[in-house]
Amino acid sequence: MRRRTAVALVTAIILTAAGCGGSSQEGAKTVDPQAKVKLTWWTGQTSDAEKILENLAAEFTKKHPNVTIDVSSGASTTDELLQKLSAGFASGVYPDISYSFGNWASQLQESGKTLDLTEKVKDPAVKWEEFAASARTTATPNGQVIGFPAIVDNLSLLYNKKLFDAKNVPYPTDEWTWDDFRAAAKKLTDPAAKVYGTAYSVSASEDTTWHFWPLLWQRGGAILSQDQKQAAFNGQPGVDALEFLRAMAVDDKSVYLDQTDERYAPLFADGRIGMIINGPWTLFDLKQKKTDYGVAFLPGTNGDHQTVSGPDLWTLFDNGDANRAYWSFELIKWLTSAEGDSQWNLVQGNLPLRASETSLPAYEDYVKEYPGVEKMVANMANAKQARPTVSGYVEMSRHVGEAIAKVLQGAAAPKAALDEAATKSAQALAGG
């Protein structure tokens, strides 16, 4: 699987690289579907998932023998793909398809190297409307479709049944409030045994930031102003949300503060953390460790249980060859079809890309294989807003992550920290 955590990006890296080079070669100007074509595909996956995609690529080329696909992870971690793409844009040598985190979308589109698929996805055969709205929005930065959804997900509440039973605490329900969550976290915390009620990332990465957005939205707050040019997260809803987290971390001491993003999920699986807010990517590991867990919707505010979805993309790039562009589109259209996705995301425990997959026999096997995943599928209905796709989002996210990290470690007050993040984000959001 890919890693959920995404490193911060300095927008100038990609935009500068975009002006430094072009395609490494001049290719066909018109499409010949029978012409021999070689595609380069960077998957951004770890070994097990990479093998699945290699097998699927072999299946595709068996159906289309004129197509050869060079499939590789592209980099040692998914995060590193961004720097490799940037370097490739500068040299003129870059893949036809690459996995990309959704919050890279605007920068990739602004590089001028992506294919414009806006008209092509209108073809009824693509069934574009079957993808979740948040996924379609992420794939359409600045109004231009640059790829297909690769993985859709959302944050749900996972709880360790063994710890709840040991403390005689009732399991979470879909109607829980945040006060219910806080009270349970306090009861589950056992300093002597080094057991925490819950966890939060303080790495200042996107993992830190996107966990904050549901608390903001549920209180009626917004990330940005209506024109998407100014920060809005530092309004009263944001301050109240961050104060709630501060009280749990600093006053209650019921929160394991993860400096790396990498530790809290394994600690949950091992019975050292009672609840985590996480997504479907963790289910495979929980299955491997035989953790007895349950899944519920996020706690809510005034009956609002909004969550956040973090769709990632298969981004398609323009290498100046009509045949490569044609077959790149055909490959990813096939991979993200209901039948193709059932062989990719469902076998890993990821959420189905399309609602129509729930009628496939593979879906029945999937829900048996990964207990609780059907709750995460249902939770997609609570993903009502998408993270902004403006180019300044990534820099702004880093500043918000730093603010959250300071507050949860007792080094700053919520209002001051969020105001500072808004000030630091102003130039990036204004397009500077």
Foldseek 3Di string as FASTA:
>chain_A
DADPFAAFDDLCLLQVLLPQDAAPDAAAPDADLLAAEEFEEAEQDPDVLQVLVVVLQVVVCVVVVSYHYHYDNCDPHSNCNVVVQSVCSNVNHDGQKYWFWLLCQQSVVSSVWFDFCPPVCVPVLLVLVQFQPQQQQSCQFPNTRFFHWDFKKWWWKKFFVVLCVVLVHDDDAQAAAVVSLLVQQLSSDDVVVLAAAEEAELLLTLSRQQQQVQQLVLLVWDQADPVQQFGGCLPPSNLVSLVSLLCSQPVSVRYHYHNPVPPRLVCRLVRRYGMYTDIQLSQLVSLVSVGDMAIYQAHGDPRQRAIAMTTIGTGGTCSNHPHSNVVVVVSRSQCLDLVNVLSRQLVNRTARRGPVNCPDPSVVVSCVSGPHSVNRNVNSVRNPDYQDNQQLRSVLSSQVSNLSSCSSVPNDRSSVSVVVSRVSSNVSSNVD
